[in-house]
Amino acid sequence: MFLNDNNNTNGYNHHQPPPPSPPPGMLQTHSHHDRARRGTRRSRASSSNSNSIVRVSDTEQQPPQEQLQQQQPNRSPCTDYDMAYFHSYAHLGIHQEMIKDRVRTETYREAIMRHQDSIAGKVVVDVGCGTGILSIFCAQAGAKRVYAVDASDIALQANEVVKANNLSDVIIVLHGRVEDVEIDEEVDVIISEWMGYMLLYESMLGSVITARDRWLKPGGLIFPSSATLYMAPVTHTDRYSDSVDFWRNVYGIDMSAMLSLAKQCAFEEPSVETITGENVLTWPHVVKYLDSYTVTISELETVTSKFKFNSMMRAPLHGFAFWFDVEFNVPTIAPTSVIESHQVNGSLRKRRTNPSEALVLSTAPEDPPTHWQQTLIYFYDPIELEQDQVIEGLVTLTQSKENARFMNIHLEYTSGNRSYVKESVMR
């Protein structure tokens, strides 16, 4: 029997960008140093204060789109969806949430200080700098120069933060896309906090790849150096009960007629929430391992992985959870020596051959919580599992054709001689 499990939604909209709006008629430029300039606008603005960001006049003539494409044939165009995405990151609340995530922020700071010898006296690019905190960490580690790049208007505040900390001679804030700004020198280090929910949501890794291919010196450093996306089947009776079973008896009234709608509202779209190791039914499966030094943009368009799990207990299967970790390592260690995939109960599990060599930022259920939490794909109805029962199938993650920053999730899974399909969109 082949069932379609598409009748689910929880109204996922955490950090969802606003509806796309037309791109504004102005971009930002920075004339702090000859090495950094806007590449796609003919700026006639210059700064009397070399430490400030200069706003290009609204009336300035832009080159025709055809001309831009000829000038930059290998650079993706900036769409209305991109502009909406950048606009969403102009809001301070998002940056406050990320900075308050101590696991995230302190791991980055520790990685920078642990590798201070590779940063001191070197040129750094911070891709998607936000408020500039990672750029400042790099400056504190002795970086010779830091290019802090962000297409959101938060770059304006980042520049003020840089000046307030007397770092304008080290940190150059560039307001624009990595695809558009120009840096007229090779860089030694690229740092970025690019990870989205379920690792690949928001598609920001593409900008890191672009920066790498444009500016990174041979043998240069990229932080994080690698990333791994995991999945595992989960049981979550409390969540299902709160969302669905509640309607069976409401103050003594049978409201079970609401069950179908309740399942749709609660489980159609991915849910970003926190679970614990107790919710996880098997060892995790490695969906995708990404090496920051070799991954390509085309590789991210579609990710497909076959999985096979054996339940470690008897429990209702409510869906699949996804999480990730990233490592901060030097490129002298080949990925194959850091990661070994082996079979555990039919599932792939990551094993580090020498954990002391790598600093890890993990969003796993058993680790301290982060603002990424975990991403849950819930089924419309649970599947009752016996101990050692097999769950196998295929997961495919695809960049949405509507908006490449959205992610289509296609799940095919079989258990107990029944097969299912679940499709959802992370938007």
Protein backbone atom coordinates (compact mmCIF):
# COMPACT_ATOMS: atom_id res chain seq x y z
CA MET A 1 0.00 0.00 0.00
CA PHE A 2 1.36 3.40 -0.97
CA LEU A 3 0.13 6.30 1.12
CA ASN A 4 0.57 10.03 0.68
CA ASP A 5 1.28 11.87 3.92
CA ASN A 6 0.81 15.40 2.60
CA ASN A 7 -2.09 16.54 4.79
CA ASN A 8 0.10 18.16 7.41
CA THR A 9 1.07 21.88 8.63
CA ASN A 10 2.34 23.66 11.65
CA GLY A 11 2.55 27.06 10.01
CA TYR A 12 6.34 27.17 10.08
CA ASN A 13 7.42 30.77 9.71
CA HIS A 14 10.29 31.23 12.12
CA HIS A 15 12.54 33.93 10.67
CA GLN A 16 10.48 33.82 7.49
CA PRO A 17 11.41 36.73 5.23
CA PRO A 18 8.63 39.18 4.36
CA PRO A 19 6.96 38.96 0.92
CA PRO A 20 9.37 40.00 -1.82
CA SER A 21 9.45 43.68 -2.62
CA PRO A 22 11.12 45.50 -5.50
CA PRO A 23 14.82 46.07 -4.95
CA PRO A 24 15.57 49.53 -3.59
CA GLY A 25 17.06 52.03 -5.97
CA MET A 26 20.27 52.33 -4.05
CA LEU A 27 23.18 50.28 -2.87
CA GLN A 28 25.95 51.00 -0.42
CA THR A 29 29.63 51.47 -1.09
CA HIS A 30 32.70 51.84 1.06
CA SER A 31 35.71 53.90 0.01
CA HIS A 32 37.83 53.12 3.05
CA HIS A 33 40.52 51.44 1.01
CA ASP A 34 41.41 51.08 -2.67
CA ARG A 35 41.26 47.31 -2.29
CA ALA A 36 37.50 47.35 -1.62
CA ARG A 37 34.88 48.82 -3.89
CA ARG A 38 31.43 48.18 -5.28
CA GLY A 39 31.67 46.24 -8.50
CA THR A 40 28.23 46.61 -10.07
CA ARG A 41 27.36 50.27 -9.56
CA ARG A 42 29.14 53.31 -10.92
CA SER A 43 29.53 55.16 -7.66
CA ARG A 44 30.10 58.87 -7.88
CA ALA A 45 29.96 59.18 -4.10
CA SER A 46 33.12 59.55 -2.09
CA SER A 47 33.55 59.75 1.63
CA SER A 48 35.15 62.65 3.44
CA ASN A 49 35.46 60.24 6.35
CA SER A 50 37.17 57.13 5.06
CA ASN A 51 35.68 55.09 7.89
CA SER A 52 32.04 55.50 6.87
CA ILE A 53 29.73 53.70 4.48
CA VAL A 54 28.58 55.88 1.61
CA ARG A 55 25.06 55.70 0.22
CA VAL A 56 24.82 55.91 -3.56
CA SER A 57 22.37 58.48 -4.88
CA ASP A 58 18.88 57.21 -5.73
CA THR A 59 19.06 59.01 -9.04
CA GLU A 60 22.28 57.41 -10.16
CA GLN A 61 21.96 55.68 -13.49
CA GLN A 62 22.30 51.89 -13.28
CA PRO A 63 23.84 49.81 -16.05
CA PRO A 64 21.29 47.77 -18.01
CA GLN A 65 20.76 44.26 -16.65
CA GLU A 66 22.17 42.82 -19.88
CA GLN A 67 25.37 44.79 -19.35
CA LEU A 68 25.66 43.58 -15.78
CA GLN A 69 25.31 39.99 -16.91
CA GLN A 70 28.03 40.51 -19.50
CA GLN A 71 30.33 42.07 -16.93
CA GLN A 72 29.68 39.30 -14.39
CA PRO A 73 28.73 36.17 -16.33
CA ASN A 74 29.44 33.80 -13.43
CA ARG A 75 27.59 35.71 -10.71
CA SER A 76 23.98 35.06 -9.85
CA PRO A 77 21.54 37.95 -10.26
CA CYS A 78 20.03 39.57 -7.19
CA THR A 79 16.32 38.73 -7.20
CA ASP A 80 13.37 40.30 -5.41
CA TYR A 81 13.42 37.28 -3.09
CA ASP A 82 17.07 37.99 -2.28
CA MET A 83 16.21 41.58 -1.44
CA ALA A 84 13.38 40.43 0.84
CA TYR A 85 15.81 38.02 2.52
CA PHE A 86 18.39 40.76 3.08
CA HIS A 87 15.66 43.06 4.37
CA SER A 88 14.62 40.47 6.96
CA TYR A 89 18.16 40.50 8.39
CA ALA A 90 18.06 44.26 8.88
CA HIS A 91 15.95 43.66 11.99
CA LEU A 92 18.02 43.69 15.17
CA GLY A 93 15.97 40.97 16.89
CA ILE A 94 17.35 38.23 14.63
CA HIS A 95 20.93 39.25 15.39
CA GLN A 96 20.22 39.51 19.10
CA GLU A 97 18.86 35.96 19.10
CA MET A 98 21.95 34.67 17.31
CA ILE A 99 24.42 36.53 19.52
CA LYS A 100 22.61 35.39 22.67
CA ASP A 101 23.10 31.82 21.50
CA ARG A 102 26.19 31.27 23.63
CA VAL A 103 26.93 27.85 22.12
CA ARG A 104 27.08 29.44 18.68
CA THR A 105 28.92 32.64 19.52
CA GLU A 106 31.42 31.27 22.01
CA THR A 107 32.30 28.34 19.75
CA TYR A 108 33.14 30.77 16.95
CA ARG A 109 35.21 32.90 19.29
CA GLU A 110 37.04 29.82 20.60
CA ALA A 111 37.72 28.65 17.04
CA ILE A 112 39.19 32.04 16.13
CA MET A 113 41.37 32.22 19.22
CA ARG A 114 42.43 28.58 18.96
CA HIS A 115 43.68 29.28 15.43
CA GLN A 116 45.07 32.72 16.22
CA ASP A 117 48.38 31.82 14.60
CA SER A 118 46.57 31.37 11.28
CA ILE A 119 44.71 34.69 11.62
CA ALA A 120 47.22 37.11 13.14
CA GLY A 121 48.69 39.36 10.47
CA LYS A 122 46.39 37.87 7.82
CA VAL A 123 43.55 39.16 5.63
CA VAL A 124 40.07 37.88 6.54
CA VAL A 125 36.64 38.00 4.87
CA ASP A 126 33.57 37.71 7.09
CA VAL A 127 30.71 36.59 4.81
CA GLY A 128 27.36 37.82 6.11
CA CYS A 129 28.94 39.78 8.94
CA GLY A 130 25.69 40.95 10.54
CA THR A 131 26.55 43.16 13.50
CA GLY A 132 30.24 42.49 12.93
CA ILE A 133 30.95 40.43 16.03
CA LEU A 134 32.95 37.73 14.24
CA SER A 135 34.95 40.39 12.41
CA ILE A 136 35.78 41.97 15.76
CA PHE A 137 36.85 38.58 17.16
CA CYS A 138 39.22 38.25 14.19
CA ALA A 139 40.59 41.75 14.78
CA GLN A 140 41.15 40.87 18.43
CA ALA A 141 43.05 37.80 17.24
CA GLY A 142 45.43 40.11 15.38
CA ALA A 143 44.08 40.07 11.83
CA LYS A 144 45.84 42.55 9.57
CA ARG A 145 42.60 43.44 7.77
CA VAL A 146 39.03 42.17 7.88
CA TYR A 147 36.48 42.70 5.11
CA ALA A 148 33.07 42.50 6.77
CA VAL A 149 30.51 41.89 4.01
CA ASP A 150 26.75 42.02 4.40
CA ALA A 151 23.96 42.85 1.95
CA SER A 152 21.52 43.77 4.71
CA ASP A 153 21.18 47.28 6.13
CA ILE A 154 22.55 45.88 9.39
CA ALA A 155 25.94 46.67 7.79
CA LEU A 156 25.30 50.33 8.58
CA GLN A 157 25.11 49.52 12.28
CA ALA A 158 28.06 47.15 12.01
CA ASN A 159 30.15 50.02 10.72
CA GLU A 160 29.18 52.13 13.74
CA VAL A 161 30.12 49.24 16.04
CA VAL A 162 33.51 49.02 14.34
CA LYS A 163 34.12 52.74 14.83
CA ALA A 164 32.95 52.62 18.47
CA ASN A 165 35.56 49.92 19.15
CA ASN A 166 38.35 51.87 17.39
CA LEU A 167 38.81 49.15 14.78
CA SER A 168 38.20 51.16 11.61
CA ASP A 169 41.84 50.80 10.60
CA VAL A 170 41.42 47.01 10.59
CA ILE A 171 37.80 46.24 9.68
CA ILE A 172 36.33 47.45 6.38
CA VAL A 173 32.55 47.07 6.21
CA LEU A 174 31.24 46.40 2.70
CA HIS A 175 27.51 46.79 2.24
CA GLY A 176 26.58 44.49 -0.62
CA ARG A 177 26.47 40.91 -1.80
CA VAL A 178 29.63 38.84 -1.92
CA GLU A 179 28.75 38.29 -5.56
CA ASP A 180 28.92 42.06 -6.21
CA VAL A 181 31.54 43.67 -3.98
CA GLU A 182 35.15 43.84 -5.12
CA ILE A 183 38.19 43.06 -3.00
CA ASP A 184 41.42 43.67 -4.86
CA GLU A 185 43.59 41.25 -2.97
CA GLU A 186 43.62 37.58 -2.08
CA VAL A 187 42.53 36.68 1.42
CA ASP A 188 43.97 34.20 3.90
CA VAL A 189 40.83 33.36 5.89
CA ILE A 190 37.09 33.17 5.22
CA ILE A 191 34.77 33.03 8.19
CA SER A 192 31.00 32.87 8.09
CA GLU A 193 28.07 31.79 10.17
CA TRP A 194 26.08 30.61 7.16
CA MET A 195 24.09 27.71 8.58
CA GLY A 196 20.31 27.83 8.35
CA TYR A 197 17.69 25.60 9.87
CA MET A 198 18.24 22.03 8.70
CA LEU A 199 21.69 23.32 7.69
CA LEU A 200 20.84 24.24 4.09
CA TYR A 201 17.77 26.44 4.51
CA GLU A 202 18.43 30.01 3.27
CA SER A 203 21.13 28.81 0.82
CA MET A 204 23.78 31.11 2.29
CA LEU A 205 26.55 28.57 1.81
CA GLY A 206 26.56 29.55 -1.86
CA SER A 207 27.88 32.97 -0.91
CA VAL A 208 30.72 31.39 1.07
CA ILE A 209 31.60 29.26 -1.95
CA THR A 210 31.58 32.38 -4.13
CA ALA A 211 33.92 34.18 -1.72
CA ARG A 212 36.19 31.14 -1.64
CA ASP A 213 36.40 30.90 -5.41
CA ARG A 214 36.94 34.65 -5.86
CA TRP A 215 39.43 35.52 -3.14
CA LEU A 216 40.84 32.68 -1.03
CA LYS A 217 44.55 32.03 -1.37
CA PRO A 218 45.71 28.46 -2.01
CA GLY A 219 46.04 26.84 1.39
CA GLY A 220 43.80 29.47 2.99
CA LEU A 221 41.53 28.78 5.94
CA ILE A 222 37.72 28.48 5.92
CA PHE A 223 35.65 28.48 9.12
CA PRO A 224 33.72 26.32 9.55
CA SER A 225 35.80 23.80 7.63
CA SER A 226 33.05 21.20 7.24
CA ALA A 227 29.42 20.52 8.02
CA THR A 228 27.33 17.38 8.41
CA LEU A 229 23.54 17.04 8.19
CA TYR A 230 21.91 14.18 10.11
CA MET A 231 18.46 12.65 10.32
CA ALA A 232 16.81 10.11 12.60
CA PRO A 233 13.29 8.77 13.25
CA VAL A 234 11.68 10.20 16.37
CA THR A 235 8.80 9.63 18.71
CA HIS A 236 7.09 12.64 20.28
CA THR A 237 3.84 11.62 21.93
CA ASP A 238 3.46 14.85 23.90
CA ARG A 239 3.71 16.98 20.77
CA TYR A 240 1.18 14.83 18.94
CA SER A 241 -1.16 14.84 21.91
CA ASP A 242 -0.99 18.61 22.36
CA SER A 243 -1.66 19.24 18.68
CA VAL A 244 -4.16 16.52 17.82
CA ASP A 245 -5.53 14.43 20.68
CA PHE A 246 -6.59 17.60 22.48
CA TRP A 247 -9.59 17.82 20.13
CA ARG A 248 -11.00 14.43 21.07
CA ASN A 249 -12.44 15.76 24.31
CA VAL A 250 -12.68 19.50 24.90
CA TYR A 251 -14.35 20.29 28.23
CA GLY A 252 -16.40 17.12 27.82
CA ILE A 253 -17.38 17.98 24.23
CA ASP A 254 -16.49 15.63 21.37
CA MET A 255 -14.67 17.86 18.89
CA SER A 256 -13.02 15.04 16.96
CA ALA A 257 -14.43 16.59 13.79
CA MET A 258 -11.48 19.01 14.13
CA LEU A 259 -8.86 16.23 13.99
CA SER A 260 -8.24 16.36 10.25
CA LEU A 261 -7.77 20.14 10.31
CA ALA A 262 -5.66 19.91 13.46
CA LYS A 263 -3.26 17.48 11.78
CA GLN A 264 -3.06 19.69 8.72
CA CYS A 265 -2.36 22.82 10.75
CA ALA A 266 0.20 21.09 12.98
CA PHE A 267 2.15 18.86 10.64
CA GLU A 268 2.12 20.04 7.03
CA GLU A 269 5.26 22.16 7.17
CA PRO A 270 8.60 21.56 8.90
CA SER A 271 8.65 22.47 12.56
CA VAL A 272 11.66 24.06 14.23
CA GLU A 273 11.60 22.96 17.85
CA THR A 274 13.71 21.35 20.56
CA ILE A 275 13.66 17.64 21.26
CA THR A 276 15.93 15.52 23.46
CA GLY A 277 17.88 12.32 22.93
CA GLU A 278 14.95 10.43 24.48
CA ASN A 279 12.84 11.27 21.43
CA VAL A 280 15.32 9.68 19.01
CA LEU A 281 14.62 6.04 18.09
CA THR A 282 17.85 5.06 16.31
CA TRP A 283 21.40 6.07 15.59
CA PRO A 284 21.42 9.04 13.20
CA HIS A 285 22.03 8.79 9.47
CA VAL A 286 24.42 11.13 7.65
CA VAL A 287 22.36 12.83 4.94
CA LYS A 288 25.18 15.01 3.63
CA TYR A 289 28.77 15.81 4.49
CA LEU A 290 30.07 19.13 3.15
CA ASP A 291 33.73 20.02 2.85
CA SER A 292 34.01 23.81 2.77
CA TYR A 293 37.12 23.62 0.59
CA THR A 294 35.63 21.51 -2.20
CA VAL A 295 31.82 21.82 -2.13
CA THR A 296 30.27 23.42 -5.22
CA ILE A 297 27.15 25.53 -5.65
CA SER A 298 25.62 22.99 -8.04
CA GLU A 299 26.13 20.27 -5.44
CA LEU A 300 23.71 22.10 -3.14
CA GLU A 301 20.83 22.32 -5.61
CA THR A 302 19.71 18.76 -4.85
CA VAL A 303 20.80 16.50 -2.00
CA THR A 304 19.58 12.90 -2.00
CA SER A 305 20.31 10.17 0.50
CA LYS A 306 18.98 6.65 1.09
CA PHE A 307 18.46 5.65 4.69
CA LYS A 308 17.77 2.49 6.67
CA PHE A 309 17.05 2.48 10.39
CA ASN A 310 16.34 -0.19 12.99
CA SER A 311 14.18 1.01 15.85
CA MET A 312 15.86 0.51 19.21
CA MET A 313 12.54 0.36 21.04
CA ARG A 314 8.84 -0.20 20.71
CA ALA A 315 7.23 3.20 20.23
CA PRO A 316 5.04 5.26 17.89
CA LEU A 317 7.03 6.81 15.07
CA HIS A 318 5.87 10.41 14.64
CA GLY A 319 8.34 11.64 12.06
CA PHE A 320 11.97 12.42 11.31
CA ALA A 321 14.27 14.93 12.98
CA PHE A 322 17.14 16.72 11.24
CA TRP A 323 20.11 18.45 12.81
CA PHE A 324 23.70 19.31 11.95
CA ASP A 325 27.12 20.01 13.25
CA VAL A 326 30.03 22.01 11.88
CA GLU A 327 33.74 21.63 12.54
CA PHE A 328 36.51 24.22 12.78
CA ASN A 329 39.65 22.57 11.56
CA VAL A 330 42.76 23.35 9.58
CA PRO A 331 42.87 22.11 5.97
CA THR A 332 45.96 19.96 6.53
CA ILE A 333 43.71 17.12 7.69
CA ALA A 334 41.87 15.47 4.83
CA PRO A 335 38.13 15.01 5.33
CA THR A 336 38.52 11.24 5.04
CA SER A 337 40.72 11.18 8.12
CA VAL A 338 38.21 13.22 10.12
CA ILE A 339 35.03 11.45 9.06
CA GLU A 340 34.42 7.75 8.82
CA SER A 341 30.98 6.43 7.96
CA HIS A 342 30.16 2.98 9.24
CA GLN A 343 27.07 0.85 9.69
CA VAL A 344 25.29 0.90 13.04
CA ASN A 345 21.98 -0.94 13.01
CA GLY A 346 21.79 -0.34 9.29
CA SER A 347 22.31 3.43 9.59
CA LEU A 348 25.27 5.64 8.89
CA ARG A 349 26.81 7.27 11.90
CA LYS A 350 29.60 9.80 11.95
CA ARG A 351 32.71 8.93 13.89
CA ARG A 352 35.60 11.31 14.51
CA THR A 353 38.91 9.48 14.49
CA ASN A 354 40.59 12.13 16.62
CA PRO A 355 38.05 14.38 18.39
CA SER A 356 40.80 16.48 20.03
CA GLU A 357 41.83 17.83 16.63
CA ALA A 358 38.51 19.49 15.81
CA LEU A 359 36.31 22.04 17.53
CA VAL A 360 32.65 21.16 16.92
CA LEU A 361 29.48 23.23 17.03
CA SER A 362 26.63 20.74 17.29
CA THR A 363 22.85 21.14 17.17
CA ALA A 364 22.17 17.50 18.08
CA PRO A 365 19.29 16.71 20.49
CA GLU A 366 21.70 15.40 23.13
CA ASP A 367 23.90 18.52 23.05
CA PRO A 368 23.24 21.92 24.67
CA PRO A 369 20.40 23.71 22.82
CA THR A 370 21.04 26.36 20.19
CA HIS A 371 18.79 28.81 18.35
CA TRP A 372 18.77 26.36 15.42
CA GLN A 373 17.09 23.73 17.63
CA GLN A 374 16.14 20.72 15.46
CA THR A 375 13.91 20.52 12.39
CA LEU A 376 11.05 18.03 12.61
CA ILE A 377 9.09 16.55 9.72
CA TYR A 378 5.95 15.08 11.29
CA PHE A 379 3.70 12.42 9.79
CA TYR A 380 -0.03 12.91 9.48
CA ASP A 381 -0.53 9.78 11.57
CA PRO A 382 2.03 7.90 13.70
CA ILE A 383 3.36 4.46 12.79
CA GLU A 384 3.47 1.90 15.59
CA LEU A 385 6.95 0.41 15.66
CA GLU A 386 8.18 -2.79 17.25
CA GLN A 387 11.72 -3.09 18.56
CA ASP A 388 14.21 -3.72 15.72
CA GLN A 389 11.58 -2.83 13.10
CA VAL A 390 13.14 -1.46 9.92
CA ILE A 391 12.37 2.00 8.56
CA GLU A 392 13.97 2.65 5.19
CA GLY A 393 13.58 5.08 2.36
CA LEU A 394 14.90 8.13 0.60
CA VAL A 395 15.16 11.82 1.43
CA THR A 396 15.64 14.51 -1.20
CA LEU A 397 16.30 18.16 -0.41
CA THR A 398 15.94 20.54 -3.34
CA GLN A 399 16.27 24.28 -3.67
CA SER A 400 12.85 25.66 -4.55
CA LYS A 401 12.49 26.90 -8.11
CA GLU A 402 10.16 29.60 -6.74
CA ASN A 403 12.85 30.90 -4.40
CA ALA A 404 16.25 29.24 -4.10
CA ARG A 405 16.36 30.19 -0.42
CA PHE A 406 13.37 27.92 0.24
CA MET A 407 13.86 24.17 0.44
CA ASN A 408 11.63 21.38 -0.84
CA ILE A 409 11.73 18.23 1.28
CA HIS A 410 10.67 14.94 -0.28
CA LEU A 411 10.52 11.83 1.91
CA GLU A 412 9.79 8.29 0.80
CA TYR A 413 9.73 5.76 3.62
CA THR A 414 8.61 2.18 4.18
CA SER A 415 7.91 0.35 7.40
CA GLY A 416 5.79 -2.66 8.24
CA ASN A 417 5.04 -3.44 4.57
CA ARG A 418 3.51 -0.01 4.05
CA SER A 419 5.05 2.76 1.99
CA TYR A 420 4.51 6.49 2.38
CA VAL A 421 5.40 9.79 0.77
CA LYS A 422 5.69 13.07 2.62
CA GLU A 423 6.43 16.38 0.89
CA SER A 424 6.82 19.75 2.54
CA VAL A 425 8.45 23.10 1.92
CA MET A 426 10.63 25.06 4.29
CA ARG A 427 9.88 28.65 3.47
